[in-house]
N, C-alpha and C. Protein backbone atom coordinates (compact mmCIF):
# COMPACT_ATOMS: atom_id res chain seq x y z
N UNK A 1 0.85 -1.20 0.00
CA UNK A 1 0.00 0.00 0.00
C UNK A 1 0.88 1.25 0.00
N UNK A 2 0.75 2.13 -1.01
CA UNK A 2 1.61 3.32 -1.08
C UNK A 2 1.43 4.24 0.12
N UNK A 3 2.55 4.78 0.59
CA UNK A 3 2.51 5.72 1.72
C UNK A 3 2.60 7.14 1.18
N UNK A 4 1.66 7.98 1.59
CA UNK A 4 1.54 9.35 1.11
C UNK A 4 1.96 10.34 2.17
N UNK A 5 2.89 11.25 1.81
CA UNK A 5 3.22 12.39 2.65
C UNK A 5 2.44 13.60 2.12
N UNK A 6 1.76 14.30 2.99
CA UNK A 6 1.08 15.54 2.63
C UNK A 6 1.83 16.69 3.30
N UNK A 7 2.33 17.61 2.49
CA UNK A 7 3.05 18.76 3.01
C UNK A 7 2.34 20.03 2.56
N UNK A 8 2.44 21.07 3.35
CA UNK A 8 1.93 22.38 2.98
C UNK A 8 3.11 23.24 2.53
N UNK A 9 3.02 23.76 1.32
CA UNK A 9 4.12 24.49 0.69
C UNK A 9 3.76 25.97 0.58
N UNK A 10 4.78 26.82 0.74
CA UNK A 10 4.61 28.28 0.71
C UNK A 10 3.74 28.75 1.87
N UNK A 11 4.05 28.25 3.06
CA UNK A 11 3.32 28.68 4.25
C UNK A 11 3.80 30.06 4.68
N UNK A 12 3.12 30.61 5.67
CA UNK A 12 3.62 31.80 6.35
C UNK A 12 4.81 31.37 7.22
N UNK A 13 5.60 32.33 7.74
CA UNK A 13 6.76 31.95 8.55
C UNK A 13 6.42 31.07 9.76
N UNK A 14 5.20 31.21 10.29
CA UNK A 14 4.83 30.40 11.45
C UNK A 14 4.27 29.03 11.07
N UNK A 15 4.26 28.72 9.76
CA UNK A 15 3.83 27.41 9.31
C UNK A 15 2.35 27.29 9.00
N UNK A 16 1.61 28.39 9.06
CA UNK A 16 0.19 28.33 8.73
C UNK A 16 -0.02 28.58 7.24
N UNK A 17 -1.27 28.40 6.80
CA UNK A 17 -1.64 28.51 5.38
C UNK A 17 -0.86 27.49 4.55
N UNK A 18 -0.51 27.83 3.32
CA UNK A 18 0.23 26.91 2.45
C UNK A 18 -0.67 26.18 1.48
N UNK A 19 -0.05 25.62 0.45
CA UNK A 19 -0.74 24.88 -0.61
C UNK A 19 -0.43 23.39 -0.42
N UNK A 20 -1.42 22.56 -0.11
CA UNK A 20 -1.15 21.14 0.13
C UNK A 20 -0.58 20.45 -1.12
N UNK A 21 0.34 19.55 -0.87
CA UNK A 21 0.99 18.76 -1.91
C UNK A 21 1.07 17.31 -1.45
N UNK A 22 0.70 16.39 -2.33
CA UNK A 22 0.86 14.98 -2.03
C UNK A 22 2.15 14.45 -2.63
N UNK A 23 2.93 13.70 -1.85
CA UNK A 23 4.19 13.14 -2.33
C UNK A 23 4.28 11.66 -1.96
N UNK A 24 4.46 10.83 -2.98
CA UNK A 24 4.75 9.41 -2.78
C UNK A 24 6.25 9.23 -2.96
N UNK A 25 6.97 9.05 -1.85
CA UNK A 25 8.42 8.91 -1.94
C UNK A 25 8.83 7.61 -2.64
N UNK A 26 7.99 6.59 -2.53
CA UNK A 26 8.24 5.35 -3.26
C UNK A 26 7.28 5.32 -4.45
N UNK A 27 7.50 6.25 -5.38
CA UNK A 27 6.57 6.43 -6.48
C UNK A 27 6.40 5.22 -7.36
N UNK A 28 7.45 4.41 -7.47
CA UNK A 28 7.36 3.24 -8.35
C UNK A 28 6.44 2.16 -7.80
N UNK A 29 6.00 2.32 -6.55
CA UNK A 29 5.01 1.38 -6.01
C UNK A 29 3.64 1.61 -6.62
N UNK A 30 3.47 2.74 -7.29
CA UNK A 30 2.21 3.06 -7.97
C UNK A 30 2.42 2.97 -9.47
N UNK A 31 1.75 2.05 -10.15
CA UNK A 31 1.92 1.92 -11.60
C UNK A 31 1.61 3.24 -12.31
N UNK A 32 2.37 3.50 -13.34
CA UNK A 32 2.17 4.75 -14.08
C UNK A 32 0.75 4.88 -14.62
N UNK A 33 0.16 3.76 -14.97
CA UNK A 33 -1.20 3.79 -15.51
C UNK A 33 -2.25 4.22 -14.49
N UNK A 34 -1.89 4.17 -13.20
CA UNK A 34 -2.84 4.51 -12.14
C UNK A 34 -2.60 5.90 -11.54
N UNK A 35 -1.49 6.53 -11.88
CA UNK A 35 -1.11 7.75 -11.18
C UNK A 35 -2.05 8.92 -11.45
N UNK A 36 -2.50 9.05 -12.70
CA UNK A 36 -3.40 10.17 -12.99
C UNK A 36 -4.69 10.07 -12.20
N UNK A 37 -5.25 8.87 -12.11
CA UNK A 37 -6.49 8.71 -11.35
C UNK A 37 -6.24 8.92 -9.86
N UNK A 38 -5.06 8.56 -9.37
CA UNK A 38 -4.73 8.80 -7.97
C UNK A 38 -4.65 10.30 -7.69
N UNK A 39 -4.02 11.04 -8.60
CA UNK A 39 -3.92 12.50 -8.43
C UNK A 39 -5.31 13.14 -8.46
N UNK A 40 -6.16 12.65 -9.33
CA UNK A 40 -7.53 13.16 -9.40
C UNK A 40 -8.28 12.87 -8.10
N UNK A 41 -8.11 11.67 -7.61
CA UNK A 41 -8.79 11.25 -6.39
C UNK A 41 -8.33 12.08 -5.19
N UNK A 42 -7.02 12.36 -5.11
CA UNK A 42 -6.49 13.15 -3.99
C UNK A 42 -6.93 14.60 -4.08
N UNK A 43 -6.98 15.15 -5.27
CA UNK A 43 -7.51 16.50 -5.45
C UNK A 43 -6.57 17.64 -5.10
N UNK A 44 -5.29 17.35 -4.85
CA UNK A 44 -4.34 18.44 -4.60
C UNK A 44 -4.03 19.17 -5.90
N UNK A 45 -3.50 20.38 -5.80
CA UNK A 45 -3.07 21.08 -7.00
C UNK A 45 -2.09 20.23 -7.79
N UNK A 46 -1.17 19.58 -7.07
CA UNK A 46 -0.25 18.62 -7.70
C UNK A 46 0.03 17.46 -6.75
N UNK A 47 0.35 16.34 -7.35
CA UNK A 47 0.80 15.15 -6.62
C UNK A 47 2.09 14.68 -7.27
N UNK A 48 3.08 14.34 -6.45
CA UNK A 48 4.40 13.94 -6.95
C UNK A 48 4.65 12.46 -6.66
N UNK A 49 5.21 11.78 -7.65
CA UNK A 49 5.65 10.40 -7.50
C UNK A 49 7.17 10.39 -7.67
N UNK A 50 7.91 10.18 -6.58
CA UNK A 50 9.37 10.13 -6.65
C UNK A 50 9.76 8.74 -7.14
N UNK A 51 10.39 8.69 -8.29
CA UNK A 51 10.70 7.41 -8.92
C UNK A 51 12.07 6.87 -8.51
N UNK A 52 12.94 7.78 -8.05
CA UNK A 52 14.26 7.38 -7.57
C UNK A 52 14.73 8.42 -6.56
N UNK A 53 14.79 8.05 -5.29
CA UNK A 53 15.16 9.03 -4.26
C UNK A 53 16.61 9.47 -4.43
N UNK A 54 17.50 8.57 -4.79
CA UNK A 54 18.92 8.92 -4.89
C UNK A 54 19.19 9.92 -6.00
N UNK A 55 18.50 9.81 -7.12
CA UNK A 55 18.71 10.73 -8.23
C UNK A 55 17.66 11.84 -8.28
N UNK A 56 16.64 11.73 -7.41
CA UNK A 56 15.54 12.71 -7.35
C UNK A 56 14.77 12.80 -8.66
N UNK A 57 14.66 11.67 -9.35
CA UNK A 57 13.81 11.62 -10.54
C UNK A 57 12.37 11.50 -10.08
N UNK A 58 11.48 12.31 -10.69
CA UNK A 58 10.10 12.35 -10.21
C UNK A 58 9.13 12.70 -11.33
N UNK A 59 7.85 12.43 -11.06
CA UNK A 59 6.77 12.77 -11.98
C UNK A 59 5.75 13.62 -11.24
N UNK A 60 5.16 14.58 -11.96
CA UNK A 60 4.22 15.54 -11.37
C UNK A 60 2.88 15.45 -12.08
N UNK A 61 1.81 15.38 -11.30
CA UNK A 61 0.47 15.32 -11.86
C UNK A 61 -0.45 16.35 -11.21
N UNK A 62 -1.24 17.06 -12.01
CA UNK A 62 -2.39 17.80 -11.50
C UNK A 62 -3.56 16.81 -11.47
N UNK A 63 -4.74 17.23 -11.05
CA UNK A 63 -5.87 16.29 -11.10
C UNK A 63 -6.22 15.82 -12.51
N UNK A 64 -5.78 16.56 -13.54
CA UNK A 64 -6.20 16.19 -14.90
C UNK A 64 -5.07 15.93 -15.88
N UNK A 65 -3.82 16.26 -15.53
CA UNK A 65 -2.75 16.03 -16.51
C UNK A 65 -1.37 15.93 -15.85
N UNK A 66 -0.43 15.38 -16.60
CA UNK A 66 0.95 15.27 -16.15
C UNK A 66 1.72 16.51 -16.59
N UNK A 67 2.57 17.03 -15.68
CA UNK A 67 3.34 18.23 -15.96
C UNK A 67 4.82 17.90 -16.11
N UNK A 68 5.51 18.67 -16.92
CA UNK A 68 6.95 18.49 -17.06
C UNK A 68 7.72 19.33 -16.04
N UNK A 69 7.07 20.41 -15.54
CA UNK A 69 7.73 21.30 -14.59
C UNK A 69 6.66 22.06 -13.81
N UNK A 70 6.92 22.31 -12.53
CA UNK A 70 6.03 23.14 -11.71
C UNK A 70 6.78 23.51 -10.43
N UNK A 71 6.59 24.74 -9.97
CA UNK A 71 7.35 25.22 -8.81
C UNK A 71 6.89 24.66 -7.49
N UNK A 72 5.59 24.71 -7.23
CA UNK A 72 5.05 24.26 -5.95
C UNK A 72 5.42 22.81 -5.60
N UNK A 73 5.25 21.85 -6.50
CA UNK A 73 5.62 20.48 -6.15
C UNK A 73 7.12 20.26 -6.01
N UNK A 74 7.92 21.02 -6.75
CA UNK A 74 9.37 20.84 -6.64
C UNK A 74 9.91 21.42 -5.34
N UNK A 75 9.41 22.56 -4.92
CA UNK A 75 9.82 23.13 -3.63
C UNK A 75 9.43 22.18 -2.50
N UNK A 76 8.19 21.70 -2.53
CA UNK A 76 7.73 20.81 -1.46
C UNK A 76 8.47 19.49 -1.42
N UNK A 77 8.74 18.91 -2.59
CA UNK A 77 9.45 17.63 -2.64
C UNK A 77 10.90 17.79 -2.21
N UNK A 78 11.53 18.90 -2.60
CA UNK A 78 12.90 19.15 -2.17
C UNK A 78 12.98 19.22 -0.64
N UNK A 79 12.05 19.95 -0.05
CA UNK A 79 12.04 20.05 1.42
C UNK A 79 11.87 18.67 2.05
N UNK A 80 10.94 17.88 1.52
CA UNK A 80 10.67 16.57 2.10
C UNK A 80 11.87 15.64 1.95
N UNK A 81 12.53 15.68 0.80
CA UNK A 81 13.73 14.86 0.63
C UNK A 81 14.81 15.25 1.62
N UNK A 82 14.94 16.55 1.87
CA UNK A 82 15.92 17.01 2.87
C UNK A 82 15.56 16.48 4.25
N UNK A 83 14.27 16.49 4.58
CA UNK A 83 13.83 16.00 5.89
C UNK A 83 14.13 14.51 6.07
N UNK A 84 14.17 13.77 4.97
CA UNK A 84 14.47 12.34 5.05
C UNK A 84 15.95 12.05 4.86
N UNK A 85 16.77 13.11 4.79
CA UNK A 85 18.21 12.96 4.65
C UNK A 85 18.67 12.70 3.24
N UNK A 86 17.86 13.09 2.25
CA UNK A 86 18.20 12.81 0.86
C UNK A 86 18.20 14.05 -0.02
N UNK A 87 18.55 15.23 0.54
CA UNK A 87 18.49 16.45 -0.26
C UNK A 87 19.49 16.38 -1.42
N UNK A 88 19.00 16.46 -2.66
CA UNK A 88 19.90 16.43 -3.82
C UNK A 88 20.33 17.83 -4.20
N UNK A 89 21.35 17.94 -5.05
CA UNK A 89 21.73 19.24 -5.59
C UNK A 89 20.78 19.65 -6.70
N UNK A 90 20.17 18.66 -7.36
CA UNK A 90 19.19 18.93 -8.41
C UNK A 90 18.04 17.95 -8.27
N UNK A 91 16.86 18.40 -8.68
CA UNK A 91 15.71 17.54 -8.85
C UNK A 91 15.60 17.20 -10.34
N UNK A 92 14.96 16.09 -10.64
CA UNK A 92 14.87 15.66 -12.04
C UNK A 92 13.41 15.36 -12.43
N UNK A 93 12.61 16.40 -12.64
CA UNK A 93 11.29 16.20 -13.25
C UNK A 93 11.47 15.92 -14.73
N UNK A 94 10.41 15.66 -15.49
CA UNK A 94 10.56 15.34 -16.90
C UNK A 94 11.31 16.38 -17.72
N UNK A 95 11.24 17.67 -17.35
CA UNK A 95 11.85 18.71 -18.16
C UNK A 95 13.38 18.69 -18.11
N UNK A 96 13.96 18.14 -17.03
CA UNK A 96 15.42 18.12 -16.90
C UNK A 96 15.87 18.42 -15.49
N UNK A 97 17.12 18.83 -15.33
CA UNK A 97 17.69 19.06 -14.00
C UNK A 97 17.31 20.43 -13.47
N UNK A 98 16.81 20.45 -12.23
CA UNK A 98 16.35 21.67 -11.57
C UNK A 98 17.16 21.86 -10.29
N UNK A 99 18.05 22.86 -10.24
CA UNK A 99 18.83 23.09 -9.02
C UNK A 99 17.93 23.40 -7.82
N UNK A 100 18.34 22.93 -6.65
CA UNK A 100 17.58 23.19 -5.43
C UNK A 100 18.54 23.39 -4.26
N UNK A 101 18.14 24.22 -3.31
CA UNK A 101 18.98 24.51 -2.14
C UNK A 101 18.10 25.09 -1.05
N UNK A 102 18.67 25.20 0.16
CA UNK A 102 17.94 25.72 1.31
C UNK A 102 18.71 26.89 1.92
N UNK A 103 17.99 27.97 2.17
CA UNK A 103 18.53 29.14 2.85
C UNK A 103 17.68 29.39 4.09
N UNK A 104 18.23 29.10 5.27
CA UNK A 104 17.44 29.24 6.49
C UNK A 104 16.26 28.29 6.47
N UNK A 105 15.04 28.84 6.58
CA UNK A 105 13.83 28.03 6.54
C UNK A 105 13.20 27.99 5.14
N UNK A 106 13.89 28.57 4.17
CA UNK A 106 13.33 28.68 2.83
C UNK A 106 13.98 27.68 1.88
N UNK A 107 13.16 26.85 1.25
CA UNK A 107 13.62 25.91 0.24
C UNK A 107 13.42 26.54 -1.13
N UNK A 108 14.47 26.51 -1.97
CA UNK A 108 14.45 27.15 -3.28
C UNK A 108 14.62 26.14 -4.39
N UNK A 109 14.01 26.46 -5.53
CA UNK A 109 14.33 25.76 -6.78
C UNK A 109 14.52 26.82 -7.87
N UNK A 110 15.28 26.48 -8.90
CA UNK A 110 15.50 27.41 -10.02
C UNK A 110 15.29 26.69 -11.33
N UNK A 111 14.59 27.35 -12.26
CA UNK A 111 14.34 26.75 -13.56
C UNK A 111 14.27 27.81 -14.64
N UNK A 112 14.27 27.36 -15.86
CA UNK A 112 14.17 28.28 -16.99
C UNK A 112 12.73 28.77 -17.15
N UNK A 113 12.60 30.04 -17.47
CA UNK A 113 11.27 30.61 -17.65
C UNK A 113 10.53 29.90 -18.79
N UNK A 114 11.24 29.46 -19.80
CA UNK A 114 10.58 28.79 -20.92
C UNK A 114 9.93 27.47 -20.51
N UNK A 115 10.31 26.94 -19.35
CA UNK A 115 9.67 25.72 -18.86
C UNK A 115 8.30 25.99 -18.24
N UNK A 116 8.05 27.24 -17.84
CA UNK A 116 6.82 27.57 -17.13
C UNK A 116 5.64 27.66 -18.10
N UNK A 117 4.44 27.35 -17.63
CA UNK A 117 3.26 27.49 -18.49
C UNK A 117 3.08 28.95 -18.95
N UNK A 118 2.34 29.12 -20.03
CA UNK A 118 2.07 30.46 -20.54
C UNK A 118 0.87 31.05 -19.79
N UNK A 119 1.15 31.60 -18.63
CA UNK A 119 0.08 32.19 -17.83
C UNK A 119 -0.44 33.47 -18.47
N UNK A 120 -1.73 33.71 -18.28
CA UNK A 120 -2.34 34.98 -18.67
C UNK A 120 -2.31 35.88 -17.44
N UNK A 121 -1.36 36.81 -17.41
CA UNK A 121 -1.21 37.69 -16.25
C UNK A 121 -2.11 38.91 -16.40
N UNK A 122 -2.93 39.16 -15.37
CA UNK A 122 -3.84 40.29 -15.37
C UNK A 122 -3.54 41.16 -14.14
N UNK A 123 -3.02 42.37 -14.38
CA UNK A 123 -2.78 43.28 -13.27
C UNK A 123 -4.04 44.07 -12.98
N UNK A 124 -4.48 44.07 -11.73
CA UNK A 124 -5.65 44.81 -11.31
C UNK A 124 -5.22 46.08 -10.58
N UNK A 125 -6.13 47.04 -10.51
CA UNK A 125 -5.76 48.36 -9.99
C UNK A 125 -5.67 48.40 -8.48
N UNK A 126 -6.26 47.43 -7.80
CA UNK A 126 -6.22 47.44 -6.34
C UNK A 126 -6.40 46.04 -5.78
N UNK A 127 -6.00 45.85 -4.52
CA UNK A 127 -6.19 44.58 -3.84
C UNK A 127 -7.68 44.31 -3.65
N UNK A 128 -8.45 45.37 -3.44
CA UNK A 128 -9.90 45.21 -3.29
C UNK A 128 -10.51 44.58 -4.54
N UNK A 129 -10.10 45.04 -5.72
CA UNK A 129 -10.58 44.44 -6.97
C UNK A 129 -10.20 42.96 -7.04
N UNK A 130 -9.00 42.64 -6.57
CA UNK A 130 -8.54 41.25 -6.57
C UNK A 130 -9.41 40.40 -5.65
N UNK A 131 -9.71 40.92 -4.47
CA UNK A 131 -10.48 40.16 -3.49
C UNK A 131 -11.92 39.90 -3.96
N UNK A 132 -12.45 40.79 -4.79
CA UNK A 132 -13.84 40.66 -5.23
C UNK A 132 -14.02 39.65 -6.36
N UNK A 133 -12.94 39.18 -6.96
CA UNK A 133 -13.06 38.24 -8.07
C UNK A 133 -13.69 36.92 -7.61
N UNK A 134 -14.58 36.40 -8.43
CA UNK A 134 -15.13 35.07 -8.17
C UNK A 134 -14.82 34.12 -9.31
N UNK A 135 -14.21 34.66 -10.37
CA UNK A 135 -13.83 33.87 -11.54
C UNK A 135 -12.81 34.68 -12.34
N UNK A 136 -12.13 34.07 -13.30
CA UNK A 136 -11.20 34.83 -14.12
C UNK A 136 -11.90 35.98 -14.84
N UNK A 137 -11.28 37.15 -14.90
CA UNK A 137 -11.90 38.29 -15.59
C UNK A 137 -11.76 38.18 -17.11
N UNK A 138 -12.44 39.06 -17.79
CA UNK A 138 -12.30 39.21 -19.25
C UNK A 138 -12.63 37.94 -20.02
N UNK A 139 -13.55 37.14 -19.49
CA UNK A 139 -14.01 35.93 -20.17
C UNK A 139 -12.88 34.92 -20.41
N UNK A 140 -11.86 34.94 -19.58
CA UNK A 140 -10.74 34.01 -19.70
C UNK A 140 -11.07 32.70 -18.98
N UNK A 141 -10.51 31.60 -19.49
CA UNK A 141 -10.66 30.32 -18.79
C UNK A 141 -9.75 30.26 -17.59
N UNK A 142 -8.47 30.58 -17.78
CA UNK A 142 -7.47 30.62 -16.72
C UNK A 142 -6.90 32.03 -16.63
N UNK A 143 -6.50 32.45 -15.44
CA UNK A 143 -5.88 33.77 -15.32
C UNK A 143 -5.16 33.88 -13.98
N UNK A 144 -3.96 34.45 -14.02
CA UNK A 144 -3.19 34.79 -12.81
C UNK A 144 -3.38 36.29 -12.61
N UNK A 145 -4.13 36.64 -11.59
CA UNK A 145 -4.49 38.04 -11.34
C UNK A 145 -3.70 38.57 -10.15
N UNK A 146 -3.23 39.80 -10.26
CA UNK A 146 -2.40 40.33 -9.20
C UNK A 146 -2.54 41.85 -9.07
N UNK A 147 -2.13 42.36 -7.90
CA UNK A 147 -2.15 43.80 -7.65
C UNK A 147 -1.05 44.13 -6.65
N UNK A 148 -0.44 45.28 -6.82
CA UNK A 148 0.62 45.70 -5.91
C UNK A 148 0.06 45.96 -4.50
N UNK A 149 0.80 45.48 -3.51
CA UNK A 149 0.55 45.86 -2.13
C UNK A 149 1.55 46.93 -1.70
N UNK A 150 2.81 46.76 -2.13
CA UNK A 150 3.87 47.76 -1.90
C UNK A 150 4.87 47.61 -3.04
N UNK A 151 4.71 48.42 -4.08
CA UNK A 151 5.54 48.27 -5.27
C UNK A 151 7.01 48.52 -4.96
N UNK A 152 7.31 49.50 -4.12
CA UNK A 152 8.71 49.82 -3.80
C UNK A 152 9.40 48.64 -3.10
N UNK A 153 8.64 47.90 -2.32
CA UNK A 153 9.20 46.75 -1.60
C UNK A 153 9.10 45.47 -2.41
N UNK A 154 8.47 45.53 -3.59
CA UNK A 154 8.31 44.32 -4.40
C UNK A 154 7.32 43.34 -3.82
N UNK A 155 6.31 43.84 -3.09
CA UNK A 155 5.33 42.97 -2.46
C UNK A 155 3.98 43.12 -3.15
N UNK A 156 3.37 41.99 -3.50
CA UNK A 156 2.08 42.03 -4.20
C UNK A 156 1.18 40.91 -3.73
N UNK A 157 -0.09 41.04 -4.08
CA UNK A 157 -1.09 40.01 -3.80
C UNK A 157 -1.50 39.37 -5.12
N UNK A 158 -1.86 38.07 -5.08
CA UNK A 158 -2.21 37.36 -6.31
C UNK A 158 -3.24 36.28 -6.07
N UNK A 159 -3.97 35.95 -7.13
CA UNK A 159 -4.87 34.80 -7.16
C UNK A 159 -4.73 34.14 -8.52
N UNK A 160 -4.78 32.82 -8.55
CA UNK A 160 -4.61 32.09 -9.81
C UNK A 160 -5.78 31.14 -10.05
N UNK A 161 -6.54 31.42 -11.10
CA UNK A 161 -7.64 30.56 -11.50
C UNK A 161 -7.15 29.64 -12.62
N UNK A 162 -7.25 28.32 -12.40
CA UNK A 162 -6.71 27.37 -13.39
C UNK A 162 -7.64 26.18 -13.59
N UNK A 163 -8.89 26.42 -13.97
CA UNK A 163 -9.82 25.29 -14.16
C UNK A 163 -9.42 24.33 -15.27
N UNK A 164 -8.64 24.78 -16.25
CA UNK A 164 -8.23 23.87 -17.32
C UNK A 164 -7.32 22.77 -16.81
N UNK A 165 -6.69 22.98 -15.64
CA UNK A 165 -5.83 21.97 -15.02
C UNK A 165 -6.56 21.20 -13.94
N UNK A 166 -7.87 21.43 -13.83
CA UNK A 166 -8.65 20.77 -12.79
C UNK A 166 -8.54 21.46 -11.45
N UNK A 167 -8.09 22.74 -11.45
CA UNK A 167 -7.88 23.49 -10.22
C UNK A 167 -8.71 24.78 -10.31
N UNK A 168 -9.80 24.85 -9.56
CA UNK A 168 -10.65 26.04 -9.64
C UNK A 168 -9.86 27.29 -9.28
N UNK A 169 -9.15 27.24 -8.15
CA UNK A 169 -8.24 28.32 -7.77
C UNK A 169 -7.05 27.73 -7.03
N UNK A 170 -5.87 27.98 -7.55
CA UNK A 170 -4.64 27.42 -6.99
C UNK A 170 -4.20 28.28 -5.80
N UNK A 171 -4.00 27.70 -4.61
CA UNK A 171 -3.60 28.50 -3.46
C UNK A 171 -2.23 29.15 -3.59
N UNK A 172 -1.31 28.52 -4.33
CA UNK A 172 0.03 29.08 -4.51
C UNK A 172 0.66 28.47 -5.75
N UNK A 173 1.23 29.32 -6.61
CA UNK A 173 1.70 28.87 -7.93
C UNK A 173 3.15 29.30 -8.14
N UNK A 174 4.09 28.38 -7.94
CA UNK A 174 5.50 28.71 -7.99
C UNK A 174 5.99 29.15 -9.35
N UNK A 175 5.57 28.46 -10.42
CA UNK A 175 6.05 28.80 -11.75
C UNK A 175 5.53 30.16 -12.20
N UNK A 176 4.33 30.53 -11.77
CA UNK A 176 3.81 31.87 -12.09
C UNK A 176 4.61 32.94 -11.36
N UNK A 177 5.00 32.67 -10.12
CA UNK A 177 5.82 33.61 -9.37
C UNK A 177 7.17 33.83 -10.07
N UNK A 178 7.75 32.76 -10.58
CA UNK A 178 9.01 32.87 -11.31
C UNK A 178 8.85 33.74 -12.54
N UNK A 179 7.80 33.47 -13.31
CA UNK A 179 7.57 34.21 -14.55
C UNK A 179 7.31 35.68 -14.27
N UNK A 180 6.53 35.97 -13.23
CA UNK A 180 6.24 37.36 -12.92
C UNK A 180 7.48 38.10 -12.47
N UNK A 181 8.35 37.46 -11.69
CA UNK A 181 9.61 38.09 -11.29
C UNK A 181 10.45 38.42 -12.51
N UNK A 182 10.47 37.51 -13.48
CA UNK A 182 11.22 37.75 -14.72
C UNK A 182 10.59 38.87 -15.53
N UNK A 183 9.25 38.89 -15.60
CA UNK A 183 8.56 39.94 -16.35
C UNK A 183 8.79 41.32 -15.76
N UNK A 184 8.77 41.40 -14.43
CA UNK A 184 8.93 42.69 -13.74
C UNK A 184 10.38 43.02 -13.47
N UNK A 185 11.26 42.04 -13.66
CA UNK A 185 12.70 42.22 -13.46
C UNK A 185 13.02 42.71 -12.05
N UNK A 186 12.40 42.05 -11.06
CA UNK A 186 12.72 42.39 -9.68
C UNK A 186 12.38 41.24 -8.74
N UNK A 187 12.96 41.30 -7.56
CA UNK A 187 12.67 40.31 -6.53
C UNK A 187 11.31 40.59 -5.94
N UNK A 188 10.55 39.51 -5.68
CA UNK A 188 9.17 39.68 -5.24
C UNK A 188 8.87 38.86 -3.99
N UNK A 189 7.96 39.40 -3.18
CA UNK A 189 7.26 38.63 -2.16
C UNK A 189 5.80 38.63 -2.58
N UNK A 190 5.27 37.44 -2.86
CA UNK A 190 3.92 37.30 -3.36
C UNK A 190 3.06 36.64 -2.29
N UNK A 191 1.98 37.32 -1.93
CA UNK A 191 1.00 36.75 -1.01
C UNK A 191 -0.16 36.27 -1.88
N UNK A 192 -0.32 34.96 -1.98
CA UNK A 192 -1.32 34.40 -2.89
C UNK A 192 -2.44 33.72 -2.12
N UNK A 193 -3.64 33.78 -2.70
CA UNK A 193 -4.79 33.10 -2.09
C UNK A 193 -5.11 33.66 -0.73
N UNK A 194 -5.23 32.77 0.25
CA UNK A 194 -5.59 33.18 1.61
C UNK A 194 -4.39 33.53 2.48
N UNK A 195 -3.20 33.60 1.89
CA UNK A 195 -2.05 34.00 2.69
C UNK A 195 -0.77 33.23 2.42
N UNK A 196 -0.74 32.37 1.40
CA UNK A 196 0.51 31.68 1.05
C UNK A 196 1.58 32.71 0.69
N UNK A 197 2.82 32.43 1.06
CA UNK A 197 3.90 33.38 0.80
C UNK A 197 4.97 32.74 -0.09
N UNK A 198 5.21 33.40 -1.24
CA UNK A 198 6.19 32.93 -2.20
C UNK A 198 7.25 34.00 -2.42
N UNK A 199 8.51 33.59 -2.38
CA UNK A 199 9.62 34.49 -2.70
C UNK A 199 10.11 34.13 -4.10
N UNK A 200 10.31 35.13 -4.93
CA UNK A 200 10.77 34.88 -6.30
C UNK A 200 11.85 35.87 -6.66
N UNK A 201 12.85 35.43 -7.42
CA UNK A 201 13.91 36.32 -7.87
C UNK A 201 14.48 35.85 -9.20
N UNK A 202 15.08 36.77 -9.89
CA UNK A 202 15.63 36.49 -11.22
C UNK A 202 16.91 35.67 -11.09
N UNK A 203 17.11 34.75 -12.01
CA UNK A 203 18.33 33.96 -12.05
C UNK A 203 19.10 34.23 -13.32
N UNK A 204 20.19 33.52 -13.54
CA UNK A 204 21.01 33.74 -14.74
C UNK A 204 20.44 33.06 -15.98
N UNK A 205 20.76 33.60 -17.13
CA UNK A 205 20.52 32.95 -18.42
C UNK A 205 19.07 32.49 -18.61
N UNK A 206 18.14 33.44 -18.43
CA UNK A 206 16.75 33.13 -18.69
C UNK A 206 16.07 32.29 -17.63
N UNK A 207 16.60 32.30 -16.42
CA UNK A 207 16.01 31.50 -15.34
C UNK A 207 15.49 32.41 -14.24
N UNK A 208 14.74 31.80 -13.34
CA UNK A 208 14.27 32.48 -12.13
C UNK A 208 14.15 31.43 -11.04
N UNK A 209 14.10 31.91 -9.80
CA UNK A 209 14.01 31.00 -8.66
C UNK A 209 12.77 31.34 -7.83
N UNK A 210 12.22 30.32 -7.21
CA UNK A 210 11.10 30.52 -6.29
C UNK A 210 11.38 29.71 -5.03
N UNK A 211 11.00 30.29 -3.89
CA UNK A 211 11.25 29.61 -2.63
C UNK A 211 10.18 29.89 -1.61
N UNK A 212 10.13 29.05 -0.59
CA UNK A 212 9.15 29.24 0.46
C UNK A 212 9.35 28.25 1.59
N UNK A 213 8.51 28.38 2.59
CA UNK A 213 8.55 27.52 3.77
C UNK A 213 7.57 26.37 3.58
N UNK A 214 7.98 25.18 4.01
CA UNK A 214 7.16 23.98 3.89
C UNK A 214 7.06 23.29 5.24
N UNK A 215 5.90 22.74 5.55
CA UNK A 215 5.72 21.96 6.78
C UNK A 215 5.00 20.66 6.45
N UNK A 216 5.26 19.64 7.25
CA UNK A 216 4.57 18.35 7.09
C UNK A 216 3.19 18.42 7.70
N UNK A 217 2.18 18.00 6.96
CA UNK A 217 0.81 18.00 7.46
C UNK A 217 0.43 16.64 8.00
N UNK A 218 0.67 15.58 7.21
CA UNK A 218 0.31 14.24 7.67
C UNK A 218 1.00 13.18 6.81
N UNK A 219 1.04 11.98 7.34
CA UNK A 219 1.51 10.80 6.60
C UNK A 219 0.41 9.76 6.71
N UNK A 220 0.00 9.21 5.57
CA UNK A 220 -1.05 8.19 5.60
C UNK A 220 -0.85 7.23 4.44
N UNK A 221 -1.51 6.10 4.54
CA UNK A 221 -1.47 5.12 3.46
C UNK A 221 -2.62 5.40 2.49
N UNK A 222 -2.30 5.29 1.21
CA UNK A 222 -3.31 5.56 0.19
C UNK A 222 -4.04 4.27 -0.18
């Protein structure tokens, strides 16, 4: 019976809030043909199947599709591997090698912007406008909506609607944070959803990094 770790990623500094992530450290115990239905059944924004702990090779699934790259599951899996004494220098999702490291309580990953999905970024004029949204604006199916909280400090609020991925509203989206930091060309603190906190900064050669705090929520058998 596969053992599932549930971690909350991009929490506040005190460990509250966060975006739940399911991780099967013994991913090969779950046949590939069953993984998509398992991810759908669990209902997390993403579920990770670690196929080799020593090399950190892994697969990422939303409730409806397999991803080649995503920030939230990579940050959470990196933290969990470190907690089990297996922190690698790189993670290996389908897209390739993704550097990872820890600074204090913050776990970071770095990837190329071209690996990130093509988000539709919508800047709103105020946080109040952001809070009033009940669906993506402008007749869009998916949209990452944001507004400055303190532009000089690089702090903003965001919400991400992603129904095409089986996610009505994503509590925290690492790859979008990376892309927005690259678009704005500055370091950011993003408060997403109900209070998830994401740090993002520009990296070398078309890359960006995203980091945050992760805590263990539960361990159970699936």
